[in-house]
Protein backbone atom coordinates (compact mmCIF):
# COMPACT_ATOMS: atom_id res chain seq x y z
CA MET A 1 23.78 40.65 -12.46
CA GLU A 2 25.75 39.62 -15.50
CA LEU A 3 26.67 42.39 -17.95
CA MET A 4 25.23 40.44 -20.92
CA SER A 5 21.93 40.11 -19.09
CA ILE A 6 21.79 43.85 -18.48
CA TRP A 7 22.51 44.62 -22.15
CA LEU A 8 19.91 42.10 -23.29
CA LYS A 9 17.23 43.58 -21.03
CA ALA A 10 18.11 47.11 -22.14
CA ALA A 11 17.93 46.09 -25.80
CA LEU A 12 14.56 44.41 -25.32
CA ILE A 13 13.15 47.44 -23.50
CA TYR A 14 14.48 49.72 -26.27
CA LEU A 15 12.87 47.56 -28.98
CA LEU A 16 9.58 47.37 -27.09
CA ILE A 17 9.40 51.13 -26.61
CA LEU A 18 10.32 51.86 -30.23
CA THR A 19 7.87 49.25 -31.52
CA VAL A 20 4.97 50.72 -29.52
CA LEU A 21 5.97 54.28 -30.43
CA THR A 22 6.14 53.45 -34.15
CA PHE A 23 2.77 51.69 -33.99
CA ILE A 24 1.19 54.74 -32.35
CA ILE A 25 2.77 57.14 -34.86
CA CYS A 26 1.49 54.99 -37.73
CA GLY A 27 -2.02 55.20 -36.26
CA LEU A 28 -1.75 58.95 -35.78
CA ASP A 29 -0.58 59.36 -39.38
CA LYS A 30 -3.56 57.36 -40.62
CA PHE A 31 -5.86 59.56 -38.54
CA ALA A 32 -4.18 62.68 -39.99
CA ALA A 33 -4.60 61.30 -43.51
CA LYS A 34 -8.33 60.82 -43.00
CA LYS A 35 -8.78 64.31 -41.49
CA GLN A 36 -6.43 65.99 -43.99
CA LEU A 37 -4.13 67.20 -41.22
CA ARG A 38 -0.35 67.54 -41.16
CA ARG A 39 1.21 64.15 -41.92
CA VAL A 40 4.23 62.26 -40.65
CA PRO A 41 6.88 62.21 -43.40
CA GLU A 42 7.44 58.78 -44.95
CA LYS A 43 11.16 59.18 -44.29
CA MET A 44 10.39 59.41 -40.57
CA LEU A 45 8.30 56.23 -40.69
CA PHE A 46 11.17 54.40 -42.41
CA LEU A 47 13.71 55.85 -39.98
CA LEU A 48 11.70 54.66 -36.97
CA SER A 49 11.41 51.25 -38.62
CA ALA A 50 15.13 51.05 -39.34
CA LEU A 51 15.98 52.07 -35.76
CA GLY A 52 14.06 49.09 -34.41
CA GLY A 53 10.36 49.87 -34.76
CA SER A 54 9.81 47.80 -37.89
CA VAL A 55 7.50 45.29 -36.20
CA GLY A 56 5.41 48.18 -34.84
CA MET A 57 5.24 49.75 -38.30
CA TYR A 58 4.20 46.47 -39.88
CA ALA A 59 1.57 45.89 -37.19
CA GLY A 60 0.34 49.45 -37.74
CA MET A 61 0.14 48.90 -41.48
CA LEU A 62 -2.05 45.83 -40.94
CA THR A 63 -4.12 47.27 -38.09
CA PHE A 64 -4.83 50.68 -39.58
CA ARG A 65 -4.62 49.62 -43.26
CA HIS A 66 -2.04 52.33 -43.67
CA LYS A 67 0.65 52.56 -46.37
CA THR A 68 -0.31 49.10 -47.65
CA GLN A 69 -0.73 50.32 -51.23
CA HIS A 70 2.80 51.73 -51.43
CA TRP A 71 5.17 49.06 -52.76
CA TYR A 72 8.11 50.52 -50.88
CA PHE A 73 6.27 50.03 -47.58
CA LYS A 74 4.66 46.76 -48.61
CA PHE A 75 8.05 45.20 -49.35
CA GLY A 76 10.44 47.56 -47.54
CA ILE A 77 9.16 47.08 -43.99
CA PRO A 78 9.22 43.25 -44.17
CA ALA A 79 12.72 43.49 -45.68
CA ILE A 80 13.83 45.63 -42.74
CA ILE A 81 12.36 43.05 -40.35
CA VAL A 82 14.28 40.24 -42.09
CA VAL A 83 17.57 42.18 -42.00
CA GLN A 84 17.08 43.11 -38.34
CA THR A 85 16.27 39.50 -37.45
CA ILE A 86 19.43 38.28 -39.20
CA LEU A 87 21.50 40.91 -37.41
CA VAL A 88 20.04 40.03 -34.00
CA LEU A 89 20.61 36.31 -34.55
CA ALA A 90 24.17 36.90 -35.76
CA LEU A 91 24.91 39.13 -32.79
CA TYR A 92 23.41 36.61 -30.38
CA ARG A 93 25.48 33.83 -31.92
CA LEU A 94 28.62 35.93 -31.80
CA LEU A 95 28.16 36.85 -28.15
CA SER A 96 27.15 33.42 -26.86
């Protein structure tokens, strides 16, 4: 198997796992907010998003109606998605 193909599959698996994990954590944080339990720090939600879980965070925001009133999530998460998309496209173009 070609090395590029292995790296591409590994990257896709990484992004899928982080996206699902971030989505689940967003849902758990919404549940904790409703029950007044210990919350996930906002810095952690942004860190997970920046590490590749931004699509999961955005999906969680829409699904659970969570963090949608905070401007820094409302605009920050889509901005992270745009930057990550540009980086992925640039990397793909560079390597192909």
